Amino acid sequence: MRAVVRSIVLLALVAGPAIAGEFMIINESELTKTIACDPKVGIVINGGENKLTLTGECAKIIVNGGENVVAIETATEIVVAGGNNKVTYQRGVGGKTPKTSNTGKGNTIGKAPEAK
């Protein structure tokens, strides 16, 4: 039994971003990464200077870190509380505009330009 528990803990430590409750938590910095969203799991970005592309249908996205560039395909809600982040989205779920909140400083949240 101890070996199984130890294996699960080690797997969780090396598997990448942590999932707490219904949120994937990204604490790393200086990542350049594409992440496939799960519509039932939100994403919290605590790290800084990341370049993240979130594909598929994303639930709530929370950006607490600074100097991040986040490109989102589809989201229900975007909250930016950190500083100097640039967040763009292509569309909201169901064709609606996602709910947005910007309580940090120097952040931008906006619709990504249409591809030509």
PDB file of N, CA and C in Angstrom:
ATOM      1  N   MET A   1       0.820  -1.197   0.000  1.00  0.00           N
ATOM      2  CA  MET A   1       0.000   0.000   0.000  1.00  0.00           C
ATOM      3  C   MET A   1       0.856   1.250   0.000  1.00  0.00           C
ATOM      4  N   ARG A   2       1.921   1.266   0.820  1.00  0.00           N
ATOM      5  CA  ARG A   2       2.811   2.429   0.874  1.00  0.00           C
ATOM      6  C   ARG A   2       3.463   2.689  -0.473  1.00  0.00           C
ATOM      7  N   ALA A   3       3.832   1.621  -1.175  1.00  0.00           N
ATOM      8  CA  ALA A   3       4.464   1.771  -2.483  1.00  0.00           C
ATOM      9  C   ALA A   3       3.510   2.422  -3.477  1.00  0.00           C
ATOM     10  N   VAL A   4       2.240   2.046  -3.423  1.00  0.00           N
ATOM     11  CA  VAL A   4       1.245   2.630  -4.313  1.00  0.00           C
ATOM     12  C   VAL A   4       1.079   4.117  -4.014  1.00  0.00           C
ATOM     13  N   VAL A   5       0.959   4.470  -2.756  1.00  0.00           N
ATOM     14  CA  VAL A   5       0.806   5.875  -2.365  1.00  0.00           C
ATOM     15  C   VAL A   5       2.034   6.664  -2.784  1.00  0.00           C
ATOM     16  N   ARG A   6       3.220   6.127  -2.531  1.00  0.00           N
ATOM     17  CA  ARG A   6       4.460   6.793  -2.916  1.00  0.00           C
ATOM     18  C   ARG A   6       4.504   7.012  -4.423  1.00  0.00           C
ATOM     19  N   SER A   7       4.095   6.023  -5.202  1.00  0.00           N
ATOM     20  CA  SER A   7       4.079   6.140  -6.663  1.00  0.00           C
ATOM     21  C   SER A   7       3.122   7.225  -7.123  1.00  0.00           C
ATOM     22  N   ILE A   8       1.966   7.305  -6.510  1.00  0.00           N
ATOM     23  CA  ILE A   8       0.990   8.336  -6.872  1.00  0.00           C
ATOM     24  C   ILE A   8       1.533   9.720  -6.554  1.00  0.00           C
ATOM     25  N   VAL A   9       2.151   9.886  -5.405  1.00  0.00           N
ATOM     26  CA  VAL A   9       2.720  11.183  -5.027  1.00  0.00           C
ATOM     27  C   VAL A   9       3.825  11.570  -5.990  1.00  0.00           C
ATOM     28  N   LEU A  10       4.721  10.636  -6.319  1.00  0.00           N
ATOM     29  CA  LEU A  10       5.799  10.935  -7.257  1.00  0.00           C
ATOM     30  C   LEU A  10       5.248  11.276  -8.631  1.00  0.00           C
ATOM     31  N   LEU A  11       4.253  10.558  -9.078  1.00  0.00           N
ATOM     32  CA  LEU A  11       3.629  10.851 -10.357  1.00  0.00           C
ATOM     33  C   LEU A  11       3.036  12.250 -10.344  1.00  0.00           C
ATOM     34  N   ALA A  12       2.379  12.631  -9.287  1.00  0.00           N
ATOM     35  CA  ALA A  12       1.783  13.966  -9.184  1.00  0.00           C
ATOM     36  C   ALA A  12       2.858  15.040  -9.214  1.00  0.00           C
ATOM     37  N   LEU A  13       4.009  14.775  -8.625  1.00  0.00           N
ATOM     38  CA  LEU A  13       5.073  15.775  -8.580  1.00  0.00           C
ATOM     39  C   LEU A  13       5.735  15.985  -9.931  1.00  0.00           C
ATOM     40  N   VAL A  14       5.804  14.953 -10.756  1.00  0.00           N
ATOM     41  CA  VAL A  14       6.482  15.089 -12.041  1.00  0.00           C
ATOM     42  C   VAL A  14       5.520  15.294 -13.205  1.00  0.00           C
ATOM     43  N   ALA A  15       4.245  15.238 -12.967  1.00  0.00           N
ATOM     44  CA  ALA A  15       3.269  15.292 -14.045  1.00  0.00           C
ATOM     45  C   ALA A  15       3.071  16.691 -14.620  1.00  0.00           C
ATOM     46  N   GLY A  16       3.543  17.735 -13.973  1.00  0.00           N
ATOM     47  CA  GLY A  16       3.375  19.084 -14.500  1.00  0.00           C
ATOM     48  C   GLY A  16       2.512  19.912 -13.582  1.00  0.00           C
ATOM     49  N   PRO A  17       1.711  20.796 -14.177  1.00  0.00           N
ATOM     50  CA  PRO A  17       0.891  21.688 -13.359  1.00  0.00           C
ATOM     51  C   PRO A  17      -0.007  20.919 -12.388  1.00  0.00           C
ATOM     52  N   ALA A  18      -0.166  21.470 -11.216  1.00  0.00           N
ATOM     53  CA  ALA A  18      -0.991  20.827 -10.196  1.00  0.00           C
ATOM     54  C   ALA A  18      -2.460  21.101 -10.455  1.00  0.00           C
ATOM     55  N   ILE A  19      -3.295  20.173 -10.046  1.00  0.00           N
ATOM     56  CA  ILE A  19      -4.738  20.397 -10.129  1.00  0.00           C
ATOM     57  C   ILE A  19      -5.260  20.405  -8.705  1.00  0.00           C
ATOM     58  N   ALA A  20      -5.813  21.541  -8.292  1.00  0.00           N
ATOM     59  CA  ALA A  20      -6.351  21.700  -6.943  1.00  0.00           C
ATOM     60  C   ALA A  20      -7.827  22.004  -7.073  1.00  0.00           C
ATOM     61  N   GLY A  21      -8.654  21.167  -6.490  1.00  0.00           N
ATOM     62  CA  GLY A  21     -10.093  21.379  -6.635  1.00  0.00           C
ATOM     63  C   GLY A  21     -10.452  21.231  -8.098  1.00  0.00           C
ATOM     64  N   GLU A  22     -11.038  22.255  -8.646  1.00  0.00           N
ATOM     65  CA  GLU A  22     -11.398  22.235 -10.060  1.00  0.00           C
ATOM     66  C   GLU A  22     -10.553  23.223 -10.853  1.00  0.00           C
ATOM     67  N   PHE A  23      -9.306  23.423 -10.446  1.00  0.00           N
ATOM     68  CA  PHE A  23      -8.393  24.333 -11.129  1.00  0.00           C
ATOM     69  C   PHE A  23      -7.047  23.670 -11.382  1.00  0.00           C
ATOM     70  N   MET A  24      -6.497  23.879 -12.560  1.00  0.00           N
ATOM     71  CA  MET A  24      -5.118  23.525 -12.852  1.00  0.00           C
ATOM     72  C   MET A  24      -4.297  24.751 -12.457  1.00  0.00           C
ATOM     73  N   ILE A  25      -3.269  24.566 -11.654  1.00  0.00           N
ATOM     74  CA  ILE A  25      -2.488  25.690 -11.146  1.00  0.00           C
ATOM     75  C   ILE A  25      -1.105  25.662 -11.779  1.00  0.00           C
ATOM     76  N   ILE A  26      -0.724  26.763 -12.408  1.00  0.00           N
ATOM     77  CA  ILE A  26       0.577  26.876 -13.057  1.00  0.00           C
ATOM     78  C   ILE A  26       1.410  27.866 -12.252  1.00  0.00           C
ATOM     79  N   ASN A  27       2.387  27.349 -11.526  1.00  0.00           N
ATOM     80  CA  ASN A  27       3.262  28.187 -10.707  1.00  0.00           C
ATOM     81  C   ASN A  27       4.600  28.464 -11.388  1.00  0.00           C
ATOM     82  N   GLU A  28       4.888  27.768 -12.478  1.00  0.00           N
ATOM     83  CA  GLU A  28       6.159  27.927 -13.168  1.00  0.00           C
ATOM     84  C   GLU A  28       6.239  29.278 -13.876  1.00  0.00           C
ATOM     85  N   SER A  29       7.461  29.701 -14.171  1.00  0.00           N
ATOM     86  CA  SER A  29       7.707  30.937 -14.911  1.00  0.00           C
ATOM     87  C   SER A  29       8.541  30.642 -16.155  1.00  0.00           C
ATOM     88  N   GLU A  30       8.472  31.570 -17.101  1.00  0.00           N
ATOM     89  CA  GLU A  30       9.233  31.506 -18.348  1.00  0.00           C
ATOM     90  C   GLU A  30       8.923  30.254 -19.171  1.00  0.00           C
ATOM     91  N   LEU A  31       7.673  29.802 -19.120  1.00  0.00           N
ATOM     92  CA  LEU A  31       7.237  28.676 -19.946  1.00  0.00           C
ATOM     93  C   LEU A  31       6.761  29.182 -21.298  1.00  0.00           C
ATOM     94  N   THR A  32       6.976  28.395 -22.318  1.00  0.00           N
ATOM     95  CA  THR A  32       6.318  28.577 -23.606  1.00  0.00           C
ATOM     96  C   THR A  32       5.623  27.253 -23.854  1.00  0.00           C
ATOM     97  N   LYS A  33       4.282  27.272 -23.767  1.00  0.00           N
ATOM     98  CA  LYS A  33       3.569  25.991 -23.733  1.00  0.00           C
ATOM     99  C   LYS A  33       2.153  26.143 -24.282  1.00  0.00           C
ATOM    100  N   THR A  34       1.668  25.082 -24.911  1.00  0.00           N
ATOM    101  CA  THR A  34       0.275  24.980 -25.330  1.00  0.00           C
ATOM    102  C   THR A  34      -0.404  23.995 -24.395  1.00  0.00           C
ATOM    103  N   ILE A  35      -1.543  24.403 -23.849  1.00  0.00           N
ATOM    104  CA  ILE A  35      -2.278  23.584 -22.892  1.00  0.00           C
ATOM    105  C   ILE A  35      -3.695  23.370 -23.419  1.00  0.00           C
ATOM    106  N   ALA A  36      -4.111  22.113 -23.487  1.00  0.00           N
ATOM    107  CA  ALA A  36      -5.482  21.788 -23.885  1.00  0.00           C
ATOM    108  C   ALA A  36      -6.388  21.964 -22.669  1.00  0.00           C
ATOM    109  N   CYS A  37      -7.388  22.802 -22.809  1.00  0.00           N
ATOM    110  CA  CYS A  37      -8.314  23.072 -21.703  1.00  0.00           C
ATOM    111  C   CYS A  37      -9.317  21.945 -21.527  1.00  0.00           C
ATOM    112  N   ASP A  38      -9.825  21.848 -20.323  1.00  0.00           N
ATOM    113  CA  ASP A  38     -10.934  20.972 -19.982  1.00  0.00           C
ATOM    114  C   ASP A  38     -12.067  21.914 -19.576  1.00  0.00           C
ATOM    115  N   PRO A  39     -13.226  21.838 -20.221  1.00  0.00           N
ATOM    116  CA  PRO A  39     -14.292  22.790 -19.904  1.00  0.00           C
ATOM    117  C   PRO A  39     -14.794  22.729 -18.462  1.00  0.00           C
ATOM    118  N   LYS A  40     -14.388  21.692 -17.712  1.00  0.00           N
ATOM    119  CA  LYS A  40     -14.820  21.571 -16.318  1.00  0.00           C
ATOM    120  C   LYS A  40     -13.736  21.983 -15.335  1.00  0.00           C
ATOM    121  N   VAL A  41     -12.541  22.339 -15.848  1.00  0.00           N
ATOM    122  CA  VAL A  41     -11.419  22.679 -14.978  1.00  0.00           C
ATOM    123  C   VAL A  41     -10.892  24.065 -15.345  1.00  0.00           C
ATOM    124  N   GLY A  42     -10.859  24.965 -14.372  1.00  0.00           N
ATOM    125  CA  GLY A  42     -10.312  26.293 -14.599  1.00  0.00           C
ATOM    126  C   GLY A  42      -8.793  26.252 -14.565  1.00  0.00           C
ATOM    127  N   ILE A  43      -8.167  27.362 -14.937  1.00  0.00           N
ATOM    128  CA  ILE A  43      -6.706  27.455 -14.932  1.00  0.00           C
ATOM    129  C   ILE A  43      -6.305  28.700 -14.163  1.00  0.00           C
ATOM    130  N   VAL A  44      -5.368  28.542 -13.228  1.00  0.00           N
ATOM    131  CA  VAL A  44      -4.806  29.655 -12.465  1.00  0.00           C
ATOM    132  C   VAL A  44      -3.338  29.771 -12.851  1.00  0.00           C
ATOM    133  N   ILE A  45      -2.932  30.953 -13.305  1.00  0.00           N
ATOM    134  CA  ILE A  45      -1.548  31.195 -13.703  1.00  0.00           C
ATOM    135  C   ILE A  45      -0.925  32.110 -12.660  1.00  0.00           C
ATOM    136  N   ASN A  46      -0.053  31.547 -11.830  1.00  0.00           N
ATOM    137  CA  ASN A  46       0.620  32.312 -10.787  1.00  0.00           C
ATOM    138  C   ASN A  46       2.034  32.714 -11.192  1.00  0.00           C
ATOM    139  N   GLY A  47       2.612  32.023 -12.156  1.00  0.00           N
ATOM    140  CA  GLY A  47       3.977  32.305 -12.587  1.00  0.00           C
ATOM    141  C   GLY A  47       4.057  33.579 -13.405  1.00  0.00           C
ATOM    142  N   GLY A  48       5.272  33.912 -13.820  1.00  0.00           N
ATOM    143  CA  GLY A  48       5.485  35.128 -14.594  1.00  0.00           C
ATOM    144  C   GLY A  48       6.294  34.865 -15.847  1.00  0.00           C
ATOM    145  N   GLU A  49       6.162  35.788 -16.785  1.00  0.00           N
ATOM    146  CA  GLU A  49       6.896  35.765 -18.048  1.00  0.00           C
ATOM    147  C   GLU A  49       6.647  34.484 -18.841  1.00  0.00           C
ATOM    148  N   ASN A  50       5.412  33.988 -18.780  1.00  0.00           N
ATOM    149  CA  ASN A  50       5.026  32.807 -19.552  1.00  0.00           C
ATOM    150  C   ASN A  50       4.413  33.233 -20.873  1.00  0.00           C
ATOM    151  N   LYS A  51       4.522  32.354 -21.869  1.00  0.00           N
ATOM    152  CA  LYS A  51       3.830  32.509 -23.149  1.00  0.00           C
ATOM    153  C   LYS A  51       2.986  31.255 -23.310  1.00  0.00           C
ATOM    154  N   LEU A  52       1.698  31.384 -22.985  1.00  0.00           N
ATOM    155  CA  LEU A  52       0.815  30.224 -22.944  1.00  0.00           C
ATOM    156  C   LEU A  52      -0.278  30.342 -23.987  1.00  0.00           C
ATOM    157  N   THR A  53      -0.564  29.233 -24.651  1.00  0.00           N
ATOM    158  CA  THR A  53      -1.680  29.129 -25.577  1.00  0.00           C
ATOM    159  C   THR A  53      -2.629  28.101 -24.996  1.00  0.00           C
ATOM    160  N   LEU A  54      -3.861  28.510 -24.732  1.00  0.00           N
ATOM    161  CA  LEU A  54      -4.874  27.629 -24.150  1.00  0.00           C
ATOM    162  C   LEU A  54      -5.869  27.270 -25.242  1.00  0.00           C
ATOM    163  N   THR A  55      -5.910  25.994 -25.614  1.00  0.00           N
ATOM    164  CA  THR A  55      -6.752  25.553 -26.722  1.00  0.00           C
ATOM    165  C   THR A  55      -8.015  24.872 -26.217  1.00  0.00           C
ATOM    166  N   GLY A  56      -9.007  24.828 -27.086  1.00  0.00           N
ATOM    167  CA  GLY A  56     -10.275  24.190 -26.737  1.00  0.00           C
ATOM    168  C   GLY A  56     -11.124  25.113 -25.885  1.00  0.00           C
ATOM    169  N   GLU A  57     -12.100  24.517 -25.215  1.00  0.00           N
ATOM    170  CA  GLU A  57     -13.034  25.276 -24.377  1.00  0.00           C
ATOM    171  C   GLU A  57     -12.515  25.329 -22.948  1.00  0.00           C
ATOM    172  N   CYS A  58     -12.186  26.527 -22.497  1.00  0.00           N
ATOM    173  CA  CYS A  58     -11.655  26.730 -21.153  1.00  0.00           C
ATOM    174  C   CYS A  58     -12.752  27.231 -20.219  1.00  0.00           C
ATOM    175  N   ALA A  59     -12.694  26.798 -18.987  1.00  0.00           N
ATOM    176  CA  ALA A  59     -13.586  27.333 -17.962  1.00  0.00           C
ATOM    177  C   ALA A  59     -13.016  28.685 -17.531  1.00  0.00           C
ATOM    178  N   LYS A  60     -13.000  28.981 -16.278  1.00  0.00           N
ATOM    179  CA  LYS A  60     -12.491  30.248 -15.743  1.00  0.00           C
ATOM    180  C   LYS A  60     -10.961  30.268 -15.797  1.00  0.00           C
ATOM    181  N   ILE A  61     -10.408  31.357 -16.313  1.00  0.00           N
ATOM    182  CA  ILE A  61      -8.965  31.549 -16.374  1.00  0.00           C
ATOM    183  C   ILE A  61      -8.624  32.695 -15.426  1.00  0.00           C
ATOM    184  N   ILE A  62      -7.691  32.454 -14.508  1.00  0.00           N
ATOM    185  CA  ILE A  62      -7.262  33.479 -13.549  1.00  0.00           C
ATOM    186  C   ILE A  62      -5.766  33.697 -13.739  1.00  0.00           C
ATOM    187  N   VAL A  63      -5.368  34.943 -13.992  1.00  0.00           N
ATOM    188  CA  VAL A  63      -3.954  35.276 -14.171  1.00  0.00           C
ATOM    189  C   VAL A  63      -3.533  36.153 -13.002  1.00  0.00           C
ATOM    190  N   ASN A  64      -2.747  35.574 -12.083  1.00  0.00           N
ATOM    191  CA  ASN A  64      -2.258  36.309 -10.918  1.00  0.00           C
ATOM    192  C   ASN A  64      -0.826  36.789 -11.103  1.00  0.00           C
ATOM    193  N   GLY A  65      -0.069  36.144 -11.954  1.00  0.00           N
ATOM    194  CA  GLY A  65       1.339  36.481 -12.137  1.00  0.00           C
ATOM    195  C   GLY A  65       1.523  37.757 -12.941  1.00  0.00           C
ATOM    196  N   GLY A  66       2.764  38.001 -13.353  1.00  0.00           N
ATOM    197  CA  GLY A  66       3.069  39.207 -14.102  1.00  0.00           C
ATOM    198  C   GLY A  66       3.840  38.909 -15.374  1.00  0.00           C
ATOM    199  N   GLU A  67       3.677  39.798 -16.359  1.00  0.00           N
ATOM    200  CA  GLU A  67       4.408  39.735 -17.623  1.00  0.00           C
ATOM    201  C   GLU A  67       4.086  38.467 -18.422  1.00  0.00           C
ATOM    202  N   ASN A  68       2.872  37.951 -18.277  1.00  0.00           N
ATOM    203  CA  ASN A  68       2.456  36.772 -19.042  1.00  0.00           C
ATOM    204  C   ASN A  68       1.783  37.194 -20.342  1.00  0.00           C
ATOM    205  N   VAL A  69       1.942  36.374 -21.364  1.00  0.00           N
ATOM    206  CA  VAL A  69       1.207  36.527 -22.620  1.00  0.00           C
ATOM    207  C   VAL A  69       0.378  35.257 -22.761  1.00  0.00           C
ATOM    208  N   VAL A  70      -0.949  35.415 -22.724  1.00  0.00           N
ATOM    209  CA  VAL A  70      -1.851  34.260 -22.724  1.00  0.00           C
ATOM    210  C   VAL A  70      -2.836  34.406 -23.883  1.00  0.00           C
ATOM    211  N   ALA A  71      -2.834  33.415 -24.779  1.00  0.00           N
ATOM    212  CA  ALA A  71      -3.765  33.377 -25.909  1.00  0.00           C
ATOM    213  C   ALA A  71      -4.763  32.258 -25.645  1.00  0.00           C
ATOM    214  N   ILE A  72      -6.043  32.609 -25.592  1.00  0.00           N
ATOM    215  CA  ILE A  72      -7.104  31.663 -25.233  1.00  0.00           C
ATOM    216  C   ILE A  72      -8.013  31.452 -26.438  1.00  0.00           C
ATOM    217  N   GLU A  73      -8.294  30.188 -26.751  1.00  0.00           N
ATOM    218  CA  GLU A  73      -9.201  29.901 -27.855  1.00  0.00           C
ATOM    219  C   GLU A  73     -10.638  30.243 -27.461  1.00  0.00           C
ATOM    220  N   THR A  74     -11.157  29.616 -26.392  1.00  0.00           N
ATOM    221  CA  THR A  74     -12.528  29.830 -25.948  1.00  0.00           C
ATOM    222  C   THR A  74     -12.561  29.806 -24.430  1.00  0.00           C
ATOM    223  N   ALA A  75     -13.269  30.768 -23.820  1.00  0.00           N
ATOM    224  CA  ALA A  75     -13.339  30.812 -22.350  1.00  0.00           C
ATOM    225  C   ALA A  75     -14.691  31.327 -21.896  1.00  0.00           C
ATOM    226  N   THR A  76     -15.082  30.895 -20.686  1.00  0.00           N
ATOM    227  CA  THR A  76     -16.305  31.423 -20.091  1.00  0.00           C
ATOM    228  C   THR A  76     -16.023  32.692 -19.304  1.00  0.00           C
ATOM    229  N   GLU A  77     -14.858  32.728 -18.614  1.00  0.00           N
ATOM    230  CA  GLU A  77     -14.531  33.887 -17.775  1.00  0.00           C
ATOM    231  C   GLU A  77     -13.016  34.065 -17.701  1.00  0.00           C
ATOM    232  N   ILE A  78     -12.582  35.334 -17.735  1.00  0.00           N
ATOM    233  CA  ILE A  78     -11.156  35.666 -17.648  1.00  0.00           C
ATOM    234  C   ILE A  78     -10.983  36.699 -16.549  1.00  0.00           C
ATOM    235  N   VAL A  79     -10.150  36.380 -15.546  1.00  0.00           N
ATOM    236  CA  VAL A  79      -9.867  37.286 -14.434  1.00  0.00           C
ATOM    237  C   VAL A  79      -8.371  37.556 -14.432  1.00  0.00           C
ATOM    238  N   VAL A  80      -7.985  38.829 -14.489  1.00  0.00           N
ATOM    239  CA  VAL A  80      -6.564  39.177 -14.473  1.00  0.00           C
ATOM    240  C   VAL A  80      -6.312  40.082 -13.273  1.00  0.00           C
ATOM    241  N   ALA A  81      -5.541  39.569 -12.318  1.00  0.00           N
ATOM    242  CA  ALA A  81      -5.267  40.315 -11.091  1.00  0.00           C
ATOM    243  C   ALA A  81      -3.791  40.682 -10.978  1.00  0.00           C
ATOM    244  N   GLY A  82      -2.948  40.094 -11.789  1.00  0.00           N
ATOM    245  CA  GLY A  82      -1.518  40.383 -11.750  1.00  0.00           C
ATOM    246  C   GLY A  82      -1.198  41.677 -12.474  1.00  0.00           C
ATOM    247  N   GLY A  83       0.072  41.836 -12.841  1.00  0.00           N
ATOM    248  CA  GLY A  83       0.489  43.068 -13.490  1.00  0.00           C
ATOM    249  C   GLY A  83       1.174  42.840 -14.827  1.00  0.00           C
ATOM    250  N   ASN A  84       0.897  43.748 -15.765  1.00  0.00           N
ATOM    251  CA  ASN A  84       1.543  43.759 -17.084  1.00  0.00           C
ATOM    252  C   ASN A  84       1.362  42.461 -17.862  1.00  0.00           C
ATOM    253  N   ASN A  85       0.168  41.921 -17.816  1.00  0.00           N
ATOM    254  CA  ASN A  85      -0.168  40.715 -18.571  1.00  0.00           C
ATOM    255  C   ASN A  85      -0.927  41.099 -19.832  1.00  0.00           C
ATOM    256  N   LYS A  86      -0.734  40.323 -20.894  1.00  0.00           N
ATOM    257  CA  LYS A  86      -1.485  40.516 -22.138  1.00  0.00           C
ATOM    258  C   LYS A  86      -2.282  39.239 -22.380  1.00  0.00           C
ATOM    259  N   VAL A  87      -3.598  39.344 -22.326  1.00  0.00           N
ATOM    260  CA  VAL A  87      -4.481  38.191 -22.488  1.00  0.00           C
ATOM    261  C   VAL A  87      -5.407  38.448 -23.672  1.00  0.00           C
ATOM    262  N   THR A  88      -5.422  37.512 -24.616  1.00  0.00           N
ATOM    263  CA  THR A  88      -6.337  37.616 -25.747  1.00  0.00           C
ATOM    264  C   THR A  88      -7.180  36.350 -25.823  1.00  0.00           C
ATOM    265  N   TYR A  89      -8.367  36.491 -26.382  1.00  0.00           N
ATOM    266  CA  TYR A  89      -9.261  35.346 -26.574  1.00  0.00           C
ATOM    267  C   TYR A  89      -9.841  35.421 -27.974  1.00  0.00           C
ATOM    268  N   GLN A  90     -10.184  34.249 -28.528  1.00  0.00           N
ATOM    269  CA  GLN A  90     -10.814  34.212 -29.840  1.00  0.00           C
ATOM    270  C   GLN A  90     -12.325  34.364 -29.743  1.00  0.00           C
ATOM    271  N   ARG A  91     -12.893  33.721 -28.704  1.00  0.00           N
ATOM    272  CA  ARG A  91     -14.357  33.787 -28.538  1.00  0.00           C
ATOM    273  C   ARG A  91     -14.729  33.276 -27.152  1.00  0.00           C
ATOM    274  N   GLY A  92     -15.954  33.554 -26.776  1.00  0.00           N
ATOM    275  CA  GLY A  92     -16.498  33.006 -25.544  1.00  0.00           C
ATOM    276  C   GLY A  92     -17.263  31.732 -25.845  1.00  0.00           C
ATOM    277  N   VAL A  93     -17.593  30.998 -24.814  1.00  0.00           N
ATOM    278  CA  VAL A  93     -18.351  29.756 -24.965  1.00  0.00           C
ATOM    279  C   VAL A  93     -19.740  30.088 -25.514  1.00  0.00           C
ATOM    280  N   GLY A  94     -20.199  29.297 -26.464  1.00  0.00           N
ATOM    281  CA  GLY A  94     -21.516  29.501 -27.058  1.00  0.00           C
ATOM    282  C   GLY A  94     -21.609  30.758 -27.902  1.00  0.00           C
ATOM    283  N   GLY A  95     -20.467  31.260 -28.373  1.00  0.00           N
ATOM    284  CA  GLY A  95     -20.465  32.459 -29.208  1.00  0.00           C
ATOM    285  C   GLY A  95     -20.614  33.754 -28.433  1.00  0.00           C
ATOM    286  N   LYS A  96     -20.715  33.671 -27.113  1.00  0.00           N
ATOM    287  CA  LYS A  96     -20.833  34.868 -26.286  1.00  0.00           C
ATOM    288  C   LYS A  96     -19.449  35.433 -25.997  1.00  0.00           C
ATOM    289  N   THR A  97     -19.406  36.705 -25.610  1.00  0.00           N
ATOM    290  CA  THR A  97     -18.159  37.301 -25.147  1.00  0.00           C
ATOM    291  C   THR A  97     -17.903  36.805 -23.734  1.00  0.00           C
ATOM    292  N   PRO A  98     -16.659  36.369 -23.432  1.00  0.00           N
ATOM    293  CA  PRO A  98     -16.414  35.892 -22.070  1.00  0.00           C
ATOM    294  C   PRO A  98     -16.512  37.024 -21.050  1.00  0.00           C
ATOM    295  N   LYS A  99     -16.928  36.689 -19.848  1.00  0.00           N
ATOM    296  CA  LYS A  99     -16.948  37.652 -18.745  1.00  0.00           C
ATOM    297  C   LYS A  99     -15.492  37.967 -18.399  1.00  0.00           C
ATOM    298  N   THR A 100     -15.160  39.251 -18.240  1.00  0.00           N
ATOM    299  CA  THR A 100     -13.782  39.626 -17.925  1.00  0.00           C
ATOM    300  C   THR A 100     -13.729  40.538 -16.702  1.00  0.00           C
ATOM    301  N   SER A 101     -12.595  40.435 -15.994  1.00  0.00           N
ATOM    302  CA  SER A 101     -12.330  41.291 -14.834  1.00  0.00           C
ATOM    303  C   SER A 101     -10.839  41.585 -14.816  1.00  0.00           C
ATOM    304  N   ASN A 102     -10.484  42.867 -14.672  1.00  0.00           N
ATOM    305  CA  ASN A 102      -9.088  43.271 -14.659  1.00  0.00           C
ATOM    306  C   ASN A 102      -8.859  44.143 -13.431  1.00  0.00           C
ATOM    307  N   THR A 103      -8.323  43.546 -12.372  1.00  0.00           N
ATOM    308  CA  THR A 103      -8.087  44.305 -11.143  1.00  0.00           C
ATOM    309  C   THR A 103      -6.607  44.612 -10.924  1.00  0.00           C
ATOM    310  N   GLY A 104      -5.756  44.155 -11.838  1.00  0.00           N
ATOM    311  CA  GLY A 104      -4.323  44.420 -11.737  1.00  0.00           C
ATOM    312  C   GLY A 104      -3.957  45.720 -12.427  1.00  0.00           C
ATOM    313  N   LYS A 105      -2.651  45.945 -12.594  1.00  0.00           N
ATOM    314  CA  LYS A 105      -2.160  47.165 -13.242  1.00  0.00           C
ATOM    315  C   LYS A 105      -1.382  46.810 -14.499  1.00  0.00           C
ATOM    316  N   GLY A 106      -1.614  47.598 -15.550  1.00  0.00           N
ATOM    317  CA  GLY A 106      -0.874  47.429 -16.792  1.00  0.00           C
ATOM    318  C   GLY A 106      -1.279  46.219 -17.609  1.00  0.00           C
ATOM    319  N   ASN A 107      -2.425  45.640 -17.319  1.00  0.00           N
ATOM    320  CA  ASN A 107      -2.903  44.461 -18.047  1.00  0.00           C
ATOM    321  C   ASN A 107      -3.763  44.862 -19.233  1.00  0.00           C
ATOM    322  N   THR A 108      -3.793  43.990 -20.241  1.00  0.00           N
ATOM    323  CA  THR A 108      -4.749  44.146 -21.339  1.00  0.00           C
ATOM    324  C   THR A 108      -5.475  42.819 -21.523  1.00  0.00           C
ATOM    325  N   ILE A 109      -6.779  42.920 -21.741  1.00  0.00           N
ATOM    326  CA  ILE A 109      -7.609  41.763 -22.071  1.00  0.00           C
ATOM    327  C   ILE A 109      -8.407  42.158 -23.310  1.00  0.00           C
ATOM    328  N   GLY A 110      -8.343  41.355 -24.340  1.00  0.00           N
ATOM    329  CA  GLY A 110      -9.097  41.712 -25.539  1.00  0.00           C
ATOM    330  C   GLY A 110      -9.249  40.567 -26.505  1.00  0.00           C
ATOM    331  N   LYS A 111     -10.123  40.784 -27.462  1.00  0.00           N
ATOM    332  CA  LYS A 111     -10.382  39.805 -28.507  1.00  0.00           C
ATOM    333  C   LYS A 111      -9.186  39.781 -29.446  1.00  0.00           C
ATOM    334  N   ALA A 112      -8.735  38.573 -29.772  1.00  0.00           N
ATOM    335  CA  ALA A 112      -7.613  38.420 -30.693  1.00  0.00           C
ATOM    336  C   ALA A 112      -8.041  38.835 -32.091  1.00  0.00           C
ATOM    337  N   PRO A 113      -7.127  39.419 -32.846  1.00  0.00           N
ATOM    338  CA  PRO A 113      -7.469  39.766 -34.237  1.00  0.00           C
ATOM    339  C   PRO A 113      -7.825  38.515 -35.035  1.00  0.00           C
ATOM    340  N   GLU A 114      -8.754  38.659 -35.950  1.00  0.00           N
ATOM    341  CA  GLU A 114      -9.161  37.540 -36.801  1.00  0.00           C
ATOM    342  C   GLU A 114      -7.997  37.154 -37.716  1.00  0.00           C
ATOM    343  N   ALA A 115      -7.786  35.842 -37.902  1.00  0.00           N
ATOM    344  CA  ALA A 115      -6.753  35.354 -38.823  1.00  0.00           C
ATOM    345  C   ALA A 115      -7.180  35.659 -40.253  1.00  0.00           C
ATOM    346  N   LYS A 116      -6.228  36.057 -41.062  1.00  0.00           N
ATOM    347  CA  LYS A 116      -6.536  36.391 -42.465  1.00  0.00           C
ATOM    348  C   LYS A 116      -6.232  35.262 -43.377  1.00  0.00           C
TER     349      LYS A 116
END
